[in-house]
Amino acid sequence: MKPTNRTDMIAYLEFCNLQEKYKEIYTDLELKYLECGCFRCRLKLISFGLELSSLNALVNHLEEKLAPNIGDILQTLNINYNIVDGQTNI
């Protein structure tokens, strides 16, 4: 099993907390744009949407980096398995 990088784990937890705040801000911007409809509100909504997408991608990347692979989990549990063409057979 690969060791968990403490710095990556702390960053992951912080970014997960930020995700909720960003989603709230995005929802508020979306409501404001629906009420107003001006170009400036639309631009803010689009710009912040890109920020939120970037944050989500970063969280996904850290999840993949920190999560153990299925082979390590099964080996730790002493479960026999085969991996054929990307499919894990138990």
PDB file of N, CA and C in Angstrom:
ATOM      1  N   MET A   1       0.831  -1.182   0.000  1.00  0.00           N
ATOM      2  CA  MET A   1       0.000   0.000   0.000  1.00  0.00           C
ATOM      3  C   MET A   1       0.874   1.242   0.000  1.00  0.00           C
ATOM      4  N   LYS A   2       0.463   2.228  -0.786  1.00  0.00           N
ATOM      5  CA  LYS A   2       1.238   3.459  -0.824  1.00  0.00           C
ATOM      6  C   LYS A   2       0.956   4.277   0.437  1.00  0.00           C
ATOM      7  N   PRO A   3       1.974   4.946   0.974  1.00  0.00           N
ATOM      8  CA  PRO A   3       1.765   5.766   2.165  1.00  0.00           C
ATOM      9  C   PRO A   3       0.962   7.019   1.811  1.00  0.00           C
ATOM     10  N   THR A   4       0.145   7.465   2.745  1.00  0.00           N
ATOM     11  CA  THR A   4      -0.643   8.675   2.533  1.00  0.00           C
ATOM     12  C   THR A   4       0.218   9.884   2.851  1.00  0.00           C
ATOM     13  N   ASN A   5       0.277  10.804   1.913  1.00  0.00           N
ATOM     14  CA  ASN A   5       1.009  12.040   2.100  1.00  0.00           C
ATOM     15  C   ASN A   5       0.155  12.967   2.965  1.00  0.00           C
ATOM     16  N   ARG A   6       0.681  13.337   4.127  1.00  0.00           N
ATOM     17  CA  ARG A   6      -0.063  14.178   5.083  1.00  0.00           C
ATOM     18  C   ARG A   6      -0.445  15.516   4.471  1.00  0.00           C
ATOM     19  N   THR A   7       0.457  16.108   3.722  1.00  0.00           N
ATOM     20  CA  THR A   7       0.186  17.402   3.100  1.00  0.00           C
ATOM     21  C   THR A   7      -0.963  17.292   2.104  1.00  0.00           C
ATOM     22  N   ASP A   8      -0.960  16.228   1.309  1.00  0.00           N
ATOM     23  CA  ASP A   8      -2.047  16.019   0.352  1.00  0.00           C
ATOM     24  C   ASP A   8      -3.376  15.801   1.070  1.00  0.00           C
ATOM     25  N   MET A   9      -3.350  15.078   2.167  1.00  0.00           N
ATOM     26  CA  MET A   9      -4.579  14.816   2.914  1.00  0.00           C
ATOM     27  C   MET A   9      -5.138  16.111   3.505  1.00  0.00           C
ATOM     28  N   ILE A  10      -4.271  16.938   4.062  1.00  0.00           N
ATOM     29  CA  ILE A  10      -4.716  18.222   4.619  1.00  0.00           C
ATOM     30  C   ILE A  10      -5.293  19.099   3.512  1.00  0.00           C
ATOM     31  N   ALA A  11      -4.603  19.146   2.379  1.00  0.00           N
ATOM     32  CA  ALA A  11      -5.089  19.936   1.242  1.00  0.00           C
ATOM     33  C   ALA A  11      -6.442  19.412   0.776  1.00  0.00           C
ATOM     34  N   TYR A  12      -6.576  18.099   0.698  1.00  0.00           N
ATOM     35  CA  TYR A  12      -7.834  17.486   0.269  1.00  0.00           C
ATOM     36  C   TYR A  12      -8.982  17.896   1.190  1.00  0.00           C
ATOM     37  N   LEU A  13      -8.771  17.807   2.490  1.00  0.00           N
ATOM     38  CA  LEU A  13      -9.821  18.163   3.447  1.00  0.00           C
ATOM     39  C   LEU A  13     -10.187  19.640   3.348  1.00  0.00           C
ATOM     40  N   GLU A  14      -9.181  20.497   3.193  1.00  0.00           N
ATOM     41  CA  GLU A  14      -9.434  21.936   3.052  1.00  0.00           C
ATOM     42  C   GLU A  14     -10.213  22.233   1.777  1.00  0.00           C
ATOM     43  N   PHE A  15      -9.824  21.605   0.679  1.00  0.00           N
ATOM     44  CA  PHE A  15     -10.515  21.838  -0.589  1.00  0.00           C
ATOM     45  C   PHE A  15     -11.944  21.302  -0.552  1.00  0.00           C
ATOM     46  N   CYS A  16     -12.164  20.195   0.156  1.00  0.00           N
ATOM     47  CA  CYS A  16     -13.529  19.672   0.301  1.00  0.00           C
ATOM     48  C   CYS A  16     -14.409  20.667   1.051  1.00  0.00           C
ATOM     49  N   ASN A  17     -13.853  21.279   2.093  1.00  0.00           N
ATOM     50  CA  ASN A  17     -14.595  22.303   2.828  1.00  0.00           C
ATOM     51  C   ASN A  17     -14.897  23.500   1.933  1.00  0.00           C
ATOM     52  N   LEU A  18     -13.936  23.868   1.107  1.00  0.00           N
ATOM     53  CA  LEU A  18     -14.136  24.985   0.186  1.00  0.00           C
ATOM     54  C   LEU A  18     -15.223  24.686  -0.839  1.00  0.00           C
ATOM     55  N   GLN A  19     -15.326  23.437  -1.256  1.00  0.00           N
ATOM     56  CA  GLN A  19     -16.328  23.063  -2.254  1.00  0.00           C
ATOM     57  C   GLN A  19     -17.729  23.472  -1.813  1.00  0.00           C
ATOM     58  N   GLU A  20     -18.075  23.207  -0.577  1.00  0.00           N
ATOM     59  CA  GLU A  20     -19.414  23.551  -0.084  1.00  0.00           C
ATOM     60  C   GLU A  20     -19.634  25.056  -0.115  1.00  0.00           C
ATOM     61  N   LYS A  21     -18.632  25.818   0.312  1.00  0.00           N
ATOM     62  CA  LYS A  21     -18.748  27.279   0.302  1.00  0.00           C
ATOM     63  C   LYS A  21     -18.867  27.798  -1.128  1.00  0.00           C
ATOM     64  N   TYR A  22     -18.065  27.246  -2.023  1.00  0.00           N
ATOM     65  CA  TYR A  22     -18.105  27.664  -3.428  1.00  0.00           C
ATOM     66  C   TYR A  22     -19.466  27.358  -4.050  1.00  0.00           C
ATOM     67  N   LYS A  23     -20.043  26.217  -3.714  1.00  0.00           N
ATOM     68  CA  LYS A  23     -21.358  25.861  -4.258  1.00  0.00           C
ATOM     69  C   LYS A  23     -22.424  26.847  -3.785  1.00  0.00           C
ATOM     70  N   GLU A  24     -22.335  27.264  -2.520  1.00  0.00           N
ATOM     71  CA  GLU A  24     -23.273  28.253  -1.991  1.00  0.00           C
ATOM     72  C   GLU A  24     -23.116  29.586  -2.716  1.00  0.00           C
ATOM     73  N   ILE A  25     -21.884  30.016  -2.903  1.00  0.00           N
ATOM     74  CA  ILE A  25     -21.628  31.277  -3.600  1.00  0.00           C
ATOM     75  C   ILE A  25     -22.134  31.199  -5.034  1.00  0.00           C
ATOM     76  N   TYR A  26     -21.885  30.074  -5.693  1.00  0.00           N
ATOM     77  CA  TYR A  26     -22.336  29.904  -7.076  1.00  0.00           C
ATOM     78  C   TYR A  26     -23.859  29.975  -7.154  1.00  0.00           C
ATOM     79  N   THR A  27     -24.538  29.332  -6.222  1.00  0.00           N
ATOM     80  CA  THR A  27     -26.004  29.361  -6.198  1.00  0.00           C
ATOM     81  C   THR A  27     -26.510  30.785  -6.006  1.00  0.00           C
ATOM     82  N   ASP A  28     -25.860  31.534  -5.108  1.00  0.00           N
ATOM     83  CA  ASP A  28     -26.243  32.934  -4.898  1.00  0.00           C
ATOM     84  C   ASP A  28     -26.035  33.758  -6.165  1.00  0.00           C
ATOM     85  N   LEU A  29     -24.912  33.563  -6.835  1.00  0.00           N
ATOM     86  CA  LEU A  29     -24.649  34.282  -8.085  1.00  0.00           C
ATOM     87  C   LEU A  29     -25.662  33.906  -9.163  1.00  0.00           C
ATOM     88  N   GLU A  30     -26.028  32.634  -9.185  1.00  0.00           N
ATOM     89  CA  GLU A  30     -27.005  32.161 -10.168  1.00  0.00           C
ATOM     90  C   GLU A  30     -28.367  32.823  -9.942  1.00  0.00           C
ATOM     91  N   LEU A  31     -28.789  32.902  -8.679  1.00  0.00           N
ATOM     92  CA  LEU A  31     -30.059  33.547  -8.354  1.00  0.00           C
ATOM     93  C   LEU A  31     -30.023  35.029  -8.702  1.00  0.00           C
ATOM     94  N   LYS A  32     -28.901  35.667  -8.402  1.00  0.00           N
ATOM     95  CA  LYS A  32     -28.754  37.092  -8.718  1.00  0.00           C
ATOM     96  C   LYS A  32     -28.837  37.315 -10.226  1.00  0.00           C
ATOM     97  N   TYR A  33     -28.194  36.436 -10.990  1.00  0.00           N
ATOM     98  CA  TYR A  33     -28.239  36.564 -12.449  1.00  0.00           C
ATOM     99  C   TYR A  33     -29.657  36.352 -12.974  1.00  0.00           C
ATOM    100  N   LEU A  34     -30.381  35.387 -12.411  1.00  0.00           N
ATOM    101  CA  LEU A  34     -31.757  35.132 -12.850  1.00  0.00           C
ATOM    102  C   LEU A  34     -32.666  36.327 -12.566  1.00  0.00           C
ATOM    103  N   GLU A  35     -32.405  37.023 -11.455  1.00  0.00           N
ATOM    104  CA  GLU A  35     -33.185  38.218 -11.117  1.00  0.00           C
ATOM    105  C   GLU A  35     -32.816  39.395 -12.009  1.00  0.00           C
ATOM    106  N   CYS A  36     -31.522  39.583 -12.225  1.00  0.00           N
ATOM    107  CA  CYS A  36     -31.014  40.765 -12.922  1.00  0.00           C
ATOM    108  C   CYS A  36     -30.910  40.548 -14.435  1.00  0.00           C
ATOM    109  N   GLY A  37     -30.193  39.523 -14.816  1.00  0.00           N
ATOM    110  CA  GLY A  37     -30.025  39.201 -16.234  1.00  0.00           C
ATOM    111  C   GLY A  37     -29.019  40.058 -16.978  1.00  0.00           C
ATOM    112  N   CYS A  38     -28.289  40.911 -16.266  1.00  0.00           N
ATOM    113  CA  CYS A  38     -27.334  41.787 -16.951  1.00  0.00           C
ATOM    114  C   CYS A  38     -26.053  41.023 -17.322  1.00  0.00           C
ATOM    115  N   PHE A  39     -25.301  41.615 -18.229  1.00  0.00           N
ATOM    116  CA  PHE A  39     -24.067  40.996 -18.708  1.00  0.00           C
ATOM    117  C   PHE A  39     -23.053  40.830 -17.579  1.00  0.00           C
ATOM    118  N   ARG A  40     -22.968  41.815 -16.703  1.00  0.00           N
ATOM    119  CA  ARG A  40     -21.996  41.760 -15.600  1.00  0.00           C
ATOM    120  C   ARG A  40     -22.282  40.570 -14.670  1.00  0.00           C
ATOM    121  N   CYS A  41     -23.541  40.363 -14.330  1.00  0.00           N
ATOM    122  CA  CYS A  41     -23.904  39.222 -13.471  1.00  0.00           C
ATOM    123  C   CYS A  41     -23.637  37.898 -14.187  1.00  0.00           C
ATOM    124  N   ARG A  42     -23.904  37.884 -15.485  1.00  0.00           N
ATOM    125  CA  ARG A  42     -23.635  36.670 -16.270  1.00  0.00           C
ATOM    126  C   ARG A  42     -22.139  36.364 -16.284  1.00  0.00           C
ATOM    127  N   LEU A  43     -21.327  37.392 -16.469  1.00  0.00           N
ATOM    128  CA  LEU A  43     -19.876  37.219 -16.491  1.00  0.00           C
ATOM    129  C   LEU A  43     -19.363  36.705 -15.149  1.00  0.00           C
ATOM    130  N   LYS A  44     -19.887  37.260 -14.051  1.00  0.00           N
ATOM    131  CA  LYS A  44     -19.499  36.785 -12.714  1.00  0.00           C
ATOM    132  C   LYS A  44     -19.869  35.314 -12.531  1.00  0.00           C
ATOM    133  N   LEU A  45     -21.063  34.962 -12.988  1.00  0.00           N
ATOM    134  CA  LEU A  45     -21.531  33.584 -12.858  1.00  0.00           C
ATOM    135  C   LEU A  45     -20.641  32.627 -13.648  1.00  0.00           C
ATOM    136  N   ILE A  46     -20.320  32.991 -14.869  1.00  0.00           N
ATOM    137  CA  ILE A  46     -19.472  32.136 -15.706  1.00  0.00           C
ATOM    138  C   ILE A  46     -18.070  32.025 -15.118  1.00  0.00           C
ATOM    139  N   SER A  47     -17.502  33.150 -14.698  1.00  0.00           N
ATOM    140  CA  SER A  47     -16.146  33.146 -14.127  1.00  0.00           C
ATOM    141  C   SER A  47     -16.081  32.292 -12.870  1.00  0.00           C
ATOM    142  N   PHE A  48     -17.071  32.467 -12.003  1.00  0.00           N
ATOM    143  CA  PHE A  48     -17.057  31.688 -10.771  1.00  0.00           C
ATOM    144  C   PHE A  48     -17.342  30.218 -11.050  1.00  0.00           C
ATOM    145  N   GLY A  49     -18.146  29.938 -12.060  1.00  0.00           N
ATOM    146  CA  GLY A  49     -18.393  28.554 -12.462  1.00  0.00           C
ATOM    147  C   GLY A  49     -17.112  27.864 -12.888  1.00  0.00           C
ATOM    148  N   LEU A  50     -16.248  28.606 -13.588  1.00  0.00           N
ATOM    149  CA  LEU A  50     -14.949  28.047 -13.982  1.00  0.00           C
ATOM    150  C   LEU A  50     -14.076  27.780 -12.762  1.00  0.00           C
ATOM    151  N   GLU A  51     -14.126  28.680 -11.782  1.00  0.00           N
ATOM    152  CA  GLU A  51     -13.376  28.468 -10.533  1.00  0.00           C
ATOM    153  C   GLU A  51     -13.875  27.213  -9.815  1.00  0.00           C
ATOM    154  N   LEU A  52     -15.192  27.056  -9.766  1.00  0.00           N
ATOM    155  CA  LEU A  52     -15.778  25.886  -9.111  1.00  0.00           C
ATOM    156  C   LEU A  52     -15.395  24.600  -9.840  1.00  0.00           C
ATOM    157  N   SER A  53     -15.407  24.631 -11.156  1.00  0.00           N
ATOM    158  CA  SER A  53     -15.000  23.453 -11.942  1.00  0.00           C
ATOM    159  C   SER A  53     -13.547  23.094 -11.680  1.00  0.00           C
ATOM    160  N   SER A  54     -12.713  24.102 -11.586  1.00  0.00           N
ATOM    161  CA  SER A  54     -11.293  23.882 -11.308  1.00  0.00           C
ATOM    162  C   SER A  54     -11.103  23.263  -9.923  1.00  0.00           C
ATOM    163  N   LEU A  55     -11.824  23.779  -8.942  1.00  0.00           N
ATOM    164  CA  LEU A  55     -11.746  23.233  -7.584  1.00  0.00           C
ATOM    165  C   LEU A  55     -12.222  21.783  -7.562  1.00  0.00           C
ATOM    166  N   ASN A  56     -13.318  21.490  -8.255  1.00  0.00           N
ATOM    167  CA  ASN A  56     -13.823  20.113  -8.309  1.00  0.00           C
ATOM    168  C   ASN A  56     -12.804  19.174  -8.949  1.00  0.00           C
ATOM    169  N   ALA A  57     -12.141  19.636 -10.005  1.00  0.00           N
ATOM    170  CA  ALA A  57     -11.119  18.815 -10.666  1.00  0.00           C
ATOM    171  C   ALA A  57      -9.949  18.549  -9.722  1.00  0.00           C
ATOM    172  N   LEU A  58      -9.572  19.555  -8.958  1.00  0.00           N
ATOM    173  CA  LEU A  58      -8.475  19.393  -8.003  1.00  0.00           C
ATOM    174  C   LEU A  58      -8.843  18.381  -6.921  1.00  0.00           C
ATOM    175  N   VAL A  59     -10.056  18.463  -6.408  1.00  0.00           N
ATOM    176  CA  VAL A  59     -10.513  17.507  -5.395  1.00  0.00           C
ATOM    177  C   VAL A  59     -10.526  16.092  -5.972  1.00  0.00           C
ATOM    178  N   ASN A  60     -11.023  15.937  -7.191  1.00  0.00           N
ATOM    179  CA  ASN A  60     -11.027  14.614  -7.834  1.00  0.00           C
ATOM    180  C   ASN A  60      -9.615  14.070  -8.004  1.00  0.00           C
ATOM    181  N   HIS A  61      -8.692  14.933  -8.400  1.00  0.00           N
ATOM    182  CA  HIS A  61      -7.295  14.516  -8.568  1.00  0.00           C
ATOM    183  C   HIS A  61      -6.719  14.031  -7.240  1.00  0.00           C
ATOM    184  N   LEU A  62      -6.962  14.781  -6.171  1.00  0.00           N
ATOM    185  CA  LEU A  62      -6.440  14.387  -4.862  1.00  0.00           C
ATOM    186  C   LEU A  62      -7.096  13.098  -4.370  1.00  0.00           C
ATOM    187  N   GLU A  63      -8.383  12.903  -4.661  1.00  0.00           N
ATOM    188  CA  GLU A  63      -9.046  11.652  -4.280  1.00  0.00           C
ATOM    189  C   GLU A  63      -8.378  10.464  -4.955  1.00  0.00           C
ATOM    190  N   GLU A  64      -8.105  10.601  -6.242  1.00  0.00           N
ATOM    191  CA  GLU A  64      -7.444   9.513  -6.975  1.00  0.00           C
ATOM    192  C   GLU A  64      -6.039   9.265  -6.448  1.00  0.00           C
ATOM    193  N   LYS A  65      -5.358  10.339  -6.087  1.00  0.00           N
ATOM    194  CA  LYS A  65      -3.987  10.224  -5.592  1.00  0.00           C
ATOM    195  C   LYS A  65      -3.942   9.564  -4.211  1.00  0.00           C
ATOM    196  N   LEU A  66      -4.910   9.881  -3.367  1.00  0.00           N
ATOM    197  CA  LEU A  66      -4.899   9.396  -1.987  1.00  0.00           C
ATOM    198  C   LEU A  66      -5.554   8.030  -1.811  1.00  0.00           C
ATOM    199  N   ALA A  67      -6.481   7.687  -2.666  1.00  0.00           N
ATOM    200  CA  ALA A  67      -7.218   6.428  -2.508  1.00  0.00           C
ATOM    201  C   ALA A  67      -6.329   5.235  -2.851  1.00  0.00           C
ATOM    202  N   PRO A  68      -6.387   4.198  -2.024  1.00  0.00           N
ATOM    203  CA  PRO A  68      -5.624   2.992  -2.366  1.00  0.00           C
ATOM    204  C   PRO A  68      -6.279   2.294  -3.551  1.00  0.00           C
ATOM    205  N   ASN A  69      -5.474   1.572  -4.318  1.00  0.00           N
ATOM    206  CA  ASN A  69      -6.082   0.850  -5.440  1.00  0.00           C
ATOM    207  C   ASN A  69      -6.757  -0.416  -4.920  1.00  0.00           C
ATOM    208  N   ILE A  70      -7.634  -0.960  -5.732  1.00  0.00           N
ATOM    209  CA  ILE A  70      -8.440  -2.114  -5.327  1.00  0.00           C
ATOM    210  C   ILE A  70      -7.570  -3.331  -4.989  1.00  0.00           C
ATOM    211  N   GLY A  71      -6.466  -3.491  -5.698  1.00  0.00           N
ATOM    212  CA  GLY A  71      -5.566  -4.613  -5.433  1.00  0.00           C
ATOM    213  C   GLY A  71      -4.979  -4.560  -4.033  1.00  0.00           C
ATOM    214  N   ASP A  72      -4.589  -3.372  -3.591  1.00  0.00           N
ATOM    215  CA  ASP A  72      -4.047  -3.216  -2.239  1.00  0.00           C
ATOM    216  C   ASP A  72      -5.096  -3.535  -1.175  1.00  0.00           C
ATOM    217  N   ILE A  73      -6.316  -3.093  -1.412  1.00  0.00           N
ATOM    218  CA  ILE A  73      -7.388  -3.352  -0.448  1.00  0.00           C
ATOM    219  C   ILE A  73      -7.660  -4.851  -0.344  1.00  0.00           C
ATOM    220  N   LEU A  74      -7.796  -5.515  -1.493  1.00  0.00           N
ATOM    221  CA  LEU A  74      -8.079  -6.957  -1.486  1.00  0.00           C
ATOM    222  C   LEU A  74      -6.932  -7.752  -0.884  1.00  0.00           C
ATOM    223  N   GLN A  75      -5.708  -7.333  -1.153  1.00  0.00           N
ATOM    224  CA  GLN A  75      -4.545  -8.019  -0.599  1.00  0.00           C
ATOM    225  C   GLN A  75      -4.518  -7.875   0.922  1.00  0.00           C
ATOM    226  N   THR A  76      -4.821  -6.688   1.427  1.00  0.00           N
ATOM    227  CA  THR A  76      -4.857  -6.456   2.866  1.00  0.00           C
ATOM    228  C   THR A  76      -5.910  -7.331   3.536  1.00  0.00           C
ATOM    229  N   LEU A  77      -7.018  -7.545   2.849  1.00  0.00           N
ATOM    230  CA  LEU A  77      -8.098  -8.375   3.391  1.00  0.00           C
ATOM    231  C   LEU A  77      -7.906  -9.860   3.102  1.00  0.00           C
ATOM    232  N   ASN A  78      -6.767 -10.205   2.491  1.00  0.00           N
ATOM    233  CA  ASN A  78      -6.451 -11.591   2.129  1.00  0.00           C
ATOM    234  C   ASN A  78      -7.516 -12.217   1.232  1.00  0.00           C
ATOM    235  N   ILE A  79      -7.936 -11.475   0.238  1.00  0.00           N
ATOM    236  CA  ILE A  79      -8.919 -11.967  -0.732  1.00  0.00           C
ATOM    237  C   ILE A  79      -8.194 -12.230  -2.045  1.00  0.00           C
ATOM    238  N   ASN A  80      -8.359 -13.449  -2.570  1.00  0.00           N
ATOM    239  CA  ASN A  80      -7.747 -13.783  -3.858  1.00  0.00           C
ATOM    240  C   ASN A  80      -8.501 -13.072  -4.974  1.00  0.00           C
ATOM    241  N   TYR A  81      -7.742 -12.549  -5.946  1.00  0.00           N
ATOM    242  CA  TYR A  81      -8.364 -11.820  -7.043  1.00  0.00           C
ATOM    243  C   TYR A  81      -7.509 -11.918  -8.298  1.00  0.00           C
ATOM    244  N   ASN A  82      -8.135 -11.664  -9.422  1.00  0.00           N
ATOM    245  CA  ASN A  82      -7.478 -11.569 -10.726  1.00  0.00           C
ATOM    246  C   ASN A  82      -7.895 -10.256 -11.361  1.00  0.00           C
ATOM    247  N   ILE A  83      -6.963  -9.599 -12.025  1.00  0.00           N
ATOM    248  CA  ILE A  83      -7.314  -8.416 -12.799  1.00  0.00           C
ATOM    249  C   ILE A  83      -7.056  -8.748 -14.262  1.00  0.00           C
ATOM    250  N   VAL A  84      -8.141  -8.761 -15.052  1.00  0.00           N
ATOM    251  CA  VAL A  84      -8.065  -9.089 -16.472  1.00  0.00           C
ATOM    252  C   VAL A  84      -8.748  -7.972 -17.257  1.00  0.00           C
ATOM    253  N   ASP A  85      -8.014  -7.368 -18.170  1.00  0.00           N
ATOM    254  CA  ASP A  85      -8.549  -6.281 -18.998  1.00  0.00           C
ATOM    255  C   ASP A  85      -9.195  -5.185 -18.161  1.00  0.00           C
ATOM    256  N   GLY A  86      -8.567  -4.843 -17.051  1.00  0.00           N
ATOM    257  CA  GLY A  86      -9.071  -3.775 -16.198  1.00  0.00           C
ATOM    258  C   GLY A  86     -10.223  -4.175 -15.292  1.00  0.00           C
ATOM    259  N   GLN A  87     -10.662  -5.414 -15.379  1.00  0.00           N
ATOM    260  CA  GLN A  87     -11.752  -5.912 -14.541  1.00  0.00           C
ATOM    261  C   GLN A  87     -11.177  -6.749 -13.407  1.00  0.00           C
ATOM    262  N   THR A  88     -11.645  -6.483 -12.194  1.00  0.00           N
ATOM    263  CA  THR A  88     -11.196  -7.237 -11.032  1.00  0.00           C
ATOM    264  C   THR A  88     -12.180  -8.362 -10.756  1.00  0.00           C
ATOM    265  N   ASN A  89     -11.675  -9.588 -10.772  1.00  0.00           N
ATOM    266  CA  ASN A  89     -12.494 -10.770 -10.481  1.00  0.00           C
ATOM    267  C   ASN A  89     -12.066 -11.349  -9.145  1.00  0.00           C
ATOM    268  N   ILE A  90     -13.038 -11.568  -8.288  1.00  0.00           N
ATOM    269  CA  ILE A  90     -12.758 -12.102  -6.950  1.00  0.00           C
ATOM    270  C   ILE A  90     -13.065 -13.580  -6.933  1.00  0.00           C
TER     271      ILE A  90
END
